[in-house]
Amino acid sequence: MELTLYTRAGCHLCEEAKAQLQPLLREFGLTLREVDVDTNGELQARFGEEVPVLFLDARKVAKHRVDVKGFRRLLERHQARSRTR
């Protein structure tokens, strides 16, 4: 599973999302890749003021705020599907 968090400097919602994700990263053995949208004009145009945006693989799973309980369930389902393949 690849987790990508699109952020920007000075974004309090981005910091909040990162803090909320930390226990899940440890629990599921995941690494979070952070991308600052302001370092790339295309990303800045794509996401604008909608950061933070969280992707699990290629799927957008959260915008602005992370529903931790819902995201945990999603990770559990994703992990279970991966084991059966």
PDB file of N, CA and C in Angstrom:
ATOM      1  N   MET A   1       0.843  -1.182   0.000  1.00  0.00           N
ATOM      2  CA  MET A   1       0.000   0.000   0.000  1.00  0.00           C
ATOM      3  C   MET A   1       0.885   1.241   0.000  1.00  0.00           C
ATOM      4  N   GLU A   2       0.520   2.173  -0.830  1.00  0.00           N
ATOM      5  CA  GLU A   2       1.259   3.430  -0.887  1.00  0.00           C
ATOM      6  C   GLU A   2       0.348   4.562  -0.417  1.00  0.00           C
ATOM      7  N   LEU A   3       0.797   5.256   0.612  1.00  0.00           N
ATOM      8  CA  LEU A   3       0.056   6.404   1.137  1.00  0.00           C
ATOM      9  C   LEU A   3       0.777   7.683   0.743  1.00  0.00           C
ATOM     10  N   THR A   4       0.026   8.603   0.148  1.00  0.00           N
ATOM     11  CA  THR A   4       0.584   9.893  -0.246  1.00  0.00           C
ATOM     12  C   THR A   4      -0.293  10.992   0.316  1.00  0.00           C
ATOM     13  N   LEU A   5       0.328  11.917   1.016  1.00  0.00           N
ATOM     14  CA  LEU A   5      -0.381  13.057   1.586  1.00  0.00           C
ATOM     15  C   LEU A   5       0.106  14.321   0.885  1.00  0.00           C
ATOM     16  N   TYR A   6      -0.809  14.971   0.181  1.00  0.00           N
ATOM     17  CA  TYR A   6      -0.494  16.230  -0.487  1.00  0.00           C
ATOM     18  C   TYR A   6      -0.742  17.357   0.512  1.00  0.00           C
ATOM     19  N   THR A   7       0.279  18.174   0.731  1.00  0.00           N
ATOM     20  CA  THR A   7       0.258  19.185   1.790  1.00  0.00           C
ATOM     21  C   THR A   7       0.818  20.501   1.262  1.00  0.00           C
ATOM     22  N   ARG A   8       0.930  21.446   2.179  1.00  0.00           N
ATOM     23  CA  ARG A   8       1.670  22.685   1.913  1.00  0.00           C
ATOM     24  C   ARG A   8       2.177  23.217   3.246  1.00  0.00           C
ATOM     25  N   ALA A   9       3.224  24.000   3.181  1.00  0.00           N
ATOM     26  CA  ALA A   9       3.812  24.591   4.385  1.00  0.00           C
ATOM     27  C   ALA A   9       2.802  25.519   5.051  1.00  0.00           C
ATOM     28  N   GLY A  10       2.781  25.489   6.373  1.00  0.00           N
ATOM     29  CA  GLY A  10       1.917  26.377   7.134  1.00  0.00           C
ATOM     30  C   GLY A  10       0.465  25.951   7.195  1.00  0.00           C
ATOM     31  N   CYS A  11       0.160  24.752   6.758  1.00  0.00           N
ATOM     32  CA  CYS A  11      -1.220  24.256   6.721  1.00  0.00           C
ATOM     33  C   CYS A  11      -1.517  23.499   8.020  1.00  0.00           C
ATOM     34  N   HIS A  12      -2.364  24.091   8.872  1.00  0.00           N
ATOM     35  CA  HIS A  12      -2.649  23.431  10.152  1.00  0.00           C
ATOM     36  C   HIS A  12      -3.449  22.146   9.964  1.00  0.00           C
ATOM     37  N   LEU A  13      -4.304  22.073   8.947  1.00  0.00           N
ATOM     38  CA  LEU A  13      -5.029  20.831   8.692  1.00  0.00           C
ATOM     39  C   LEU A  13      -4.085  19.721   8.230  1.00  0.00           C
ATOM     40  N   CYS A  14      -3.037  20.099   7.519  1.00  0.00           N
ATOM     41  CA  CYS A  14      -2.032  19.123   7.077  1.00  0.00           C
ATOM     42  C   CYS A  14      -1.305  18.536   8.285  1.00  0.00           C
ATOM     43  N   GLU A  15      -0.919  19.394   9.201  1.00  0.00           N
ATOM     44  CA  GLU A  15      -0.243  18.928  10.419  1.00  0.00           C
ATOM     45  C   GLU A  15      -1.157  18.031  11.243  1.00  0.00           C
ATOM     46  N   GLU A  16      -2.422  18.402  11.333  1.00  0.00           N
ATOM     47  CA  GLU A  16      -3.400  17.602  12.062  1.00  0.00           C
ATOM     48  C   GLU A  16      -3.555  16.221  11.408  1.00  0.00           C
ATOM     49  N   ALA A  17      -3.643  16.187  10.095  1.00  0.00           N
ATOM     50  CA  ALA A  17      -3.787  14.912   9.375  1.00  0.00           C
ATOM     51  C   ALA A  17      -2.578  14.025   9.616  1.00  0.00           C
ATOM     52  N   LYS A  18      -1.370  14.585   9.538  1.00  0.00           N
ATOM     53  CA  LYS A  18      -0.156  13.794   9.775  1.00  0.00           C
ATOM     54  C   LYS A  18      -0.154  13.202  11.175  1.00  0.00           C
ATOM     55  N   ALA A  19      -0.545  13.989  12.157  1.00  0.00           N
ATOM     56  CA  ALA A  19      -0.582  13.506  13.543  1.00  0.00           C
ATOM     57  C   ALA A  19      -1.613  12.391  13.693  1.00  0.00           C
ATOM     58  N   GLN A  20      -2.766  12.535  13.047  1.00  0.00           N
ATOM     59  CA  GLN A  20      -3.800  11.502  13.137  1.00  0.00           C
ATOM     60  C   GLN A  20      -3.370  10.210  12.460  1.00  0.00           C
ATOM     61  N   LEU A  21      -2.573  10.314  11.421  1.00  0.00           N
ATOM     62  CA  LEU A  21      -2.153   9.136  10.672  1.00  0.00           C
ATOM     63  C   LEU A  21      -1.037   8.348  11.350  1.00  0.00           C
ATOM     64  N   GLN A  22      -0.255   8.980  12.210  1.00  0.00           N
ATOM     65  CA  GLN A  22       0.906   8.321  12.807  1.00  0.00           C
ATOM     66  C   GLN A  22       0.586   6.970  13.462  1.00  0.00           C
ATOM     67  N   PRO A  23      -0.443   6.867  14.307  1.00  0.00           N
ATOM     68  CA  PRO A  23      -0.732   5.554  14.907  1.00  0.00           C
ATOM     69  C   PRO A  23      -1.087   4.502  13.852  1.00  0.00           C
ATOM     70  N   LEU A  24      -1.788   4.895  12.804  1.00  0.00           N
ATOM     71  CA  LEU A  24      -2.157   3.946  11.755  1.00  0.00           C
ATOM     72  C   LEU A  24      -0.934   3.511  10.954  1.00  0.00           C
ATOM     73  N   LEU A  25      -0.007   4.419  10.741  1.00  0.00           N
ATOM     74  CA  LEU A  25       1.221   4.064  10.031  1.00  0.00           C
ATOM     75  C   LEU A  25       1.972   2.982  10.787  1.00  0.00           C
ATOM     76  N   ARG A  26       2.078   3.158  12.098  1.00  0.00           N
ATOM     77  CA  ARG A  26       2.761   2.154  12.920  1.00  0.00           C
ATOM     78  C   ARG A  26       1.980   0.844  12.931  1.00  0.00           C
ATOM     79  N   GLU A  27       0.676   0.932  13.123  1.00  0.00           N
ATOM     80  CA  GLU A  27      -0.172  -0.257  13.226  1.00  0.00           C
ATOM     81  C   GLU A  27      -0.123  -1.105  11.953  1.00  0.00           C
ATOM     82  N   PHE A  28      -0.123  -0.468  10.806  1.00  0.00           N
ATOM     83  CA  PHE A  28      -0.174  -1.196   9.541  1.00  0.00           C
ATOM     84  C   PHE A  28       1.191  -1.294   8.851  1.00  0.00           C
ATOM     85  N   GLY A  29       2.229  -0.759   9.500  1.00  0.00           N
ATOM     86  CA  GLY A  29       3.570  -0.831   8.936  1.00  0.00           C
ATOM     87  C   GLY A  29       3.710  -0.068   7.624  1.00  0.00           C
ATOM     88  N   LEU A  30       3.089   1.091   7.563  1.00  0.00           N
ATOM     89  CA  LEU A  30       3.083   1.890   6.346  1.00  0.00           C
ATOM     90  C   LEU A  30       4.038   3.066   6.434  1.00  0.00           C
ATOM     91  N   THR A  31       4.410   3.560   5.291  1.00  0.00           N
ATOM     92  CA  THR A  31       5.212   4.770   5.180  1.00  0.00           C
ATOM     93  C   THR A  31       4.370   5.819   4.471  1.00  0.00           C
ATOM     94  N   LEU A  32       4.404   7.017   4.995  1.00  0.00           N
ATOM     95  CA  LEU A  32       3.658   8.120   4.410  1.00  0.00           C
ATOM     96  C   LEU A  32       4.595   8.957   3.563  1.00  0.00           C
ATOM     97  N   ARG A  33       4.239   9.145   2.321  1.00  0.00           N
ATOM     98  CA  ARG A  33       4.985  10.021   1.431  1.00  0.00           C
ATOM     99  C   ARG A  33       4.273  11.366   1.414  1.00  0.00           C
ATOM    100  N   GLU A  34       4.986  12.411   1.777  1.00  0.00           N
ATOM    101  CA  GLU A  34       4.419  13.759   1.779  1.00  0.00           C
ATOM    102  C   GLU A  34       4.885  14.512   0.546  1.00  0.00           C
ATOM    103  N   VAL A  35       3.941  15.201  -0.088  1.00  0.00           N
ATOM    104  CA  VAL A  35       4.256  15.987  -1.274  1.00  0.00           C
ATOM    105  C   VAL A  35       3.723  17.395  -1.053  1.00  0.00           C
ATOM    106  N   ASP A  36       4.613  18.366  -1.120  1.00  0.00           N
ATOM    107  CA  ASP A  36       4.230  19.779  -0.990  1.00  0.00           C
ATOM    108  C   ASP A  36       3.727  20.252  -2.346  1.00  0.00           C
ATOM    109  N   VAL A  37       2.432  20.550  -2.433  1.00  0.00           N
ATOM    110  CA  VAL A  37       1.838  20.931  -3.715  1.00  0.00           C
ATOM    111  C   VAL A  37       2.407  22.236  -4.258  1.00  0.00           C
ATOM    112  N   ASP A  38       2.958  23.060  -3.406  1.00  0.00           N
ATOM    113  CA  ASP A  38       3.481  24.345  -3.848  1.00  0.00           C
ATOM    114  C   ASP A  38       4.837  24.238  -4.538  1.00  0.00           C
ATOM    115  N   THR A  39       5.419  23.040  -4.573  1.00  0.00           N
ATOM    116  CA  THR A  39       6.697  22.852  -5.262  1.00  0.00           C
ATOM    117  C   THR A  39       6.499  22.442  -6.716  1.00  0.00           C
ATOM    118  N   ASN A  40       5.227  22.301  -7.120  1.00  0.00           N
ATOM    119  CA  ASN A  40       4.929  21.832  -8.471  1.00  0.00           C
ATOM    120  C   ASN A  40       3.677  22.553  -8.965  1.00  0.00           C
ATOM    121  N   GLY A  41       3.813  23.316 -10.030  1.00  0.00           N
ATOM    122  CA  GLY A  41       2.686  24.094 -10.555  1.00  0.00           C
ATOM    123  C   GLY A  41       1.477  23.243 -10.912  1.00  0.00           C
ATOM    124  N   GLU A  42       1.719  22.056 -11.464  1.00  0.00           N
ATOM    125  CA  GLU A  42       0.618  21.163 -11.843  1.00  0.00           C
ATOM    126  C   GLU A  42      -0.153  20.701 -10.601  1.00  0.00           C
ATOM    127  N   LEU A  43       0.582  20.323  -9.557  1.00  0.00           N
ATOM    128  CA  LEU A  43      -0.078  19.893  -8.320  1.00  0.00           C
ATOM    129  C   LEU A  43      -0.799  21.058  -7.650  1.00  0.00           C
ATOM    130  N   GLN A  44      -0.193  22.223  -7.695  1.00  0.00           N
ATOM    131  CA  GLN A  44      -0.813  23.408  -7.106  1.00  0.00           C
ATOM    132  C   GLN A  44      -2.141  23.702  -7.808  1.00  0.00           C
ATOM    133  N   ALA A  45      -2.163  23.577  -9.122  1.00  0.00           N
ATOM    134  CA  ALA A  45      -3.396  23.800  -9.877  1.00  0.00           C
ATOM    135  C   ALA A  45      -4.417  22.704  -9.608  1.00  0.00           C
ATOM    136  N   ARG A  46      -3.937  21.475  -9.466  1.00  0.00           N
ATOM    137  CA  ARG A  46      -4.838  20.332  -9.244  1.00  0.00           C
ATOM    138  C   ARG A  46      -5.522  20.384  -7.888  1.00  0.00           C
ATOM    139  N   PHE A  47      -4.747  20.715  -6.838  1.00  0.00           N
ATOM    140  CA  PHE A  47      -5.284  20.654  -5.489  1.00  0.00           C
ATOM    141  C   PHE A  47      -5.665  22.009  -4.904  1.00  0.00           C
ATOM    142  N   GLY A  48      -5.067  23.078  -5.394  1.00  0.00           N
ATOM    143  CA  GLY A  48      -5.411  24.414  -4.915  1.00  0.00           C
ATOM    144  C   GLY A  48      -5.438  24.505  -3.407  1.00  0.00           C
ATOM    145  N   GLU A  49      -6.564  24.933  -2.877  1.00  0.00           N
ATOM    146  CA  GLU A  49      -6.732  25.088  -1.427  1.00  0.00           C
ATOM    147  C   GLU A  49      -7.332  23.848  -0.770  1.00  0.00           C
ATOM    148  N   GLU A  50      -7.406  22.731  -1.492  1.00  0.00           N
ATOM    149  CA  GLU A  50      -8.061  21.537  -0.973  1.00  0.00           C
ATOM    150  C   GLU A  50      -7.163  20.654  -0.106  1.00  0.00           C
ATOM    151  N   VAL A  51      -5.955  21.072   0.180  1.00  0.00           N
ATOM    152  CA  VAL A  51      -5.057  20.256   0.996  1.00  0.00           C
ATOM    153  C   VAL A  51      -5.487  20.280   2.454  1.00  0.00           C
ATOM    154  N   PRO A  52      -5.177  19.264   3.199  1.00  0.00           N
ATOM    155  CA  PRO A  52      -4.492  18.058   2.776  1.00  0.00           C
ATOM    156  C   PRO A  52      -5.409  17.124   1.995  1.00  0.00           C
ATOM    157  N   VAL A  53      -4.787  16.371   1.102  1.00  0.00           N
ATOM    158  CA  VAL A  53      -5.475  15.330   0.348  1.00  0.00           C
ATOM    159  C   VAL A  53      -4.661  14.056   0.519  1.00  0.00           C
ATOM    160  N   LEU A  54      -5.347  12.980   0.897  1.00  0.00           N
ATOM    161  CA  LEU A  54      -4.688  11.703   1.159  1.00  0.00           C
ATOM    162  C   LEU A  54      -5.102  10.688   0.103  1.00  0.00           C
ATOM    163  N   PHE A  55      -4.099  10.030  -0.479  1.00  0.00           N
ATOM    164  CA  PHE A  55      -4.336   8.967  -1.447  1.00  0.00           C
ATOM    165  C   PHE A  55      -3.811   7.656  -0.887  1.00  0.00           C
ATOM    166  N   LEU A  56      -4.578   6.610  -1.089  1.00  0.00           N
ATOM    167  CA  LEU A  56      -4.145   5.236  -0.822  1.00  0.00           C
ATOM    168  C   LEU A  56      -3.982   4.617  -2.194  1.00  0.00           C
ATOM    169  N   ASP A  57      -2.749   4.306  -2.555  1.00  0.00           N
ATOM    170  CA  ASP A  57      -2.415   3.920  -3.919  1.00  0.00           C
ATOM    171  C   ASP A  57      -2.906   5.044  -4.835  1.00  0.00           C
ATOM    172  N   ALA A  58      -3.754   4.788  -5.797  1.00  0.00           N
ATOM    173  CA  ALA A  58      -4.203   5.840  -6.717  1.00  0.00           C
ATOM    174  C   ALA A  58      -5.572   6.401  -6.345  1.00  0.00           C
ATOM    175  N   ARG A  59      -6.106   5.979  -5.204  1.00  0.00           N
ATOM    176  CA  ARG A  59      -7.467   6.370  -4.806  1.00  0.00           C
ATOM    177  C   ARG A  59      -7.454   7.475  -3.754  1.00  0.00           C
ATOM    178  N   LYS A  60      -8.192   8.571  -4.024  1.00  0.00           N
ATOM    179  CA  LYS A  60      -8.317   9.639  -3.030  1.00  0.00           C
ATOM    180  C   LYS A  60      -9.208   9.133  -1.907  1.00  0.00           C
ATOM    181  N   VAL A  61      -8.691   9.191  -0.669  1.00  0.00           N
ATOM    182  CA  VAL A  61      -9.450   8.657   0.465  1.00  0.00           C
ATOM    183  C   VAL A  61      -9.806   9.717   1.501  1.00  0.00           C
ATOM    184  N   ALA A  62      -9.233  10.901   1.394  1.00  0.00           N
ATOM    185  CA  ALA A  62      -9.563  11.967   2.350  1.00  0.00           C
ATOM    186  C   ALA A  62      -9.155  13.309   1.771  1.00  0.00           C
ATOM    187  N   LYS A  63      -9.935  14.319   2.165  1.00  0.00           N
ATOM    188  CA  LYS A  63      -9.630  15.703   1.785  1.00  0.00           C
ATOM    189  C   LYS A  63      -9.967  16.574   2.982  1.00  0.00           C
ATOM    190  N   HIS A  64      -9.101  17.474   3.330  1.00  0.00           N
ATOM    191  CA  HIS A  64      -9.230  18.398   4.456  1.00  0.00           C
ATOM    192  C   HIS A  64      -9.049  17.696   5.804  1.00  0.00           C
ATOM    193  N   ARG A  65      -9.856  16.704   6.102  1.00  0.00           N
ATOM    194  CA  ARG A  65      -9.768  16.002   7.391  1.00  0.00           C
ATOM    195  C   ARG A  65      -9.803  14.502   7.162  1.00  0.00           C
ATOM    196  N   VAL A  66      -9.137  13.770   8.054  1.00  0.00           N
ATOM    197  CA  VAL A  66      -9.096  12.308   7.961  1.00  0.00           C
ATOM    198  C   VAL A  66     -10.062  11.732   8.978  1.00  0.00           C
ATOM    199  N   ASP A  67     -10.984  10.890   8.497  1.00  0.00           N
ATOM    200  CA  ASP A  67     -11.862  10.123   9.379  1.00  0.00           C
ATOM    201  C   ASP A  67     -11.059   8.893   9.796  1.00  0.00           C
ATOM    202  N   VAL A  68     -10.446   8.948  10.970  1.00  0.00           N
ATOM    203  CA  VAL A  68      -9.502   7.923  11.394  1.00  0.00           C
ATOM    204  C   VAL A  68     -10.169   6.548  11.467  1.00  0.00           C
ATOM    205  N   LYS A  69     -11.353   6.463  12.049  1.00  0.00           N
ATOM    206  CA  LYS A  69     -12.034   5.164  12.160  1.00  0.00           C
ATOM    207  C   LYS A  69     -12.349   4.601  10.776  1.00  0.00           C
ATOM    208  N   GLY A  70     -12.881   5.434   9.918  1.00  0.00           N
ATOM    209  CA  GLY A  70     -13.201   4.993   8.563  1.00  0.00           C
ATOM    210  C   GLY A  70     -11.958   4.603   7.786  1.00  0.00           C
ATOM    211  N   PHE A  71     -10.874   5.362   7.963  1.00  0.00           N
ATOM    212  CA  PHE A  71      -9.643   5.056   7.258  1.00  0.00           C
ATOM    213  C   PHE A  71      -9.039   3.752   7.773  1.00  0.00           C
ATOM    214  N   ARG A  72      -9.130   3.499   9.065  1.00  0.00           N
ATOM    215  CA  ARG A  72      -8.651   2.226   9.630  1.00  0.00           C
ATOM    216  C   ARG A  72      -9.405   1.052   8.988  1.00  0.00           C
ATOM    217  N   ARG A  73     -10.733   1.184   8.879  1.00  0.00           N
ATOM    218  CA  ARG A  73     -11.524   0.106   8.250  1.00  0.00           C
ATOM    219  C   ARG A  73     -11.094  -0.104   6.797  1.00  0.00           C
ATOM    220  N   LEU A  74     -10.855   0.991   6.090  1.00  0.00           N
ATOM    221  CA  LEU A  74     -10.401   0.900   4.708  1.00  0.00           C
ATOM    222  C   LEU A  74      -9.059   0.177   4.619  1.00  0.00           C
ATOM    223  N   LEU A  75      -8.134   0.513   5.507  1.00  0.00           N
ATOM    224  CA  LEU A  75      -6.828  -0.150   5.526  1.00  0.00           C
ATOM    225  C   LEU A  75      -6.971  -1.636   5.840  1.00  0.00           C
ATOM    226  N   GLU A  76      -7.849  -1.968   6.775  1.00  0.00           N
ATOM    227  CA  GLU A  76      -8.074  -3.375   7.113  1.00  0.00           C
ATOM    228  C   GLU A  76      -8.611  -4.146   5.914  1.00  0.00           C
ATOM    229  N   ARG A  77      -9.579  -3.568   5.214  1.00  0.00           N
ATOM    230  CA  ARG A  77     -10.133  -4.232   4.025  1.00  0.00           C
ATOM    231  C   ARG A  77      -9.071  -4.368   2.932  1.00  0.00           C
ATOM    232  N   HIS A  78      -8.330  -3.316   2.719  1.00  0.00           N
ATOM    233  CA  HIS A  78      -7.286  -3.316   1.692  1.00  0.00           C
ATOM    234  C   HIS A  78      -6.240  -4.376   2.014  1.00  0.00           C
ATOM    235  N   GLN A  79      -5.846  -4.459   3.270  1.00  0.00           N
ATOM    236  CA  GLN A  79      -4.853  -5.427   3.707  1.00  0.00           C
ATOM    237  C   GLN A  79      -5.382  -6.853   3.543  1.00  0.00           C
ATOM    238  N   ALA A  80      -6.650  -7.069   3.902  1.00  0.00           N
ATOM    239  CA  ALA A  80      -7.250  -8.405   3.783  1.00  0.00           C
ATOM    240  C   ALA A  80      -7.313  -8.840   2.316  1.00  0.00           C
ATOM    241  N   ARG A  81      -7.661  -7.923   1.420  1.00  0.00           N
ATOM    242  CA  ARG A  81      -7.709  -8.251  -0.007  1.00  0.00           C
ATOM    243  C   ARG A  81      -6.321  -8.592  -0.528  1.00  0.00           C
ATOM    244  N   SER A  82      -5.312  -7.886  -0.042  1.00  0.00           N
ATOM    245  CA  SER A  82      -3.944  -8.119  -0.490  1.00  0.00           C
ATOM    246  C   SER A  82      -3.467  -9.495  -0.071  1.00  0.00           C
ATOM    247  N   ARG A  83      -3.907  -9.952   1.084  1.00  0.00           N
ATOM    248  CA  ARG A  83      -3.484 -11.275   1.585  1.00  0.00           C
ATOM    249  C   ARG A  83      -4.088 -12.406   0.765  1.00  0.00           C
ATOM    250  N   THR A  84      -5.287 -12.203   0.231  1.00  0.00           N
ATOM    251  CA  THR A  84      -5.968 -13.265  -0.503  1.00  0.00           C
ATOM    252  C   THR A  84      -5.512 -13.368  -1.948  1.00  0.00           C
ATOM    253  N   ARG A  85      -4.712 -12.433  -2.400  1.00  0.00           N
ATOM    254  CA  ARG A  85      -4.227 -12.474  -3.810  1.00  0.00           C
ATOM    255  C   ARG A  85      -3.027 -13.346  -3.948  1.00  0.00           C
TER     256      ARG A  85
END
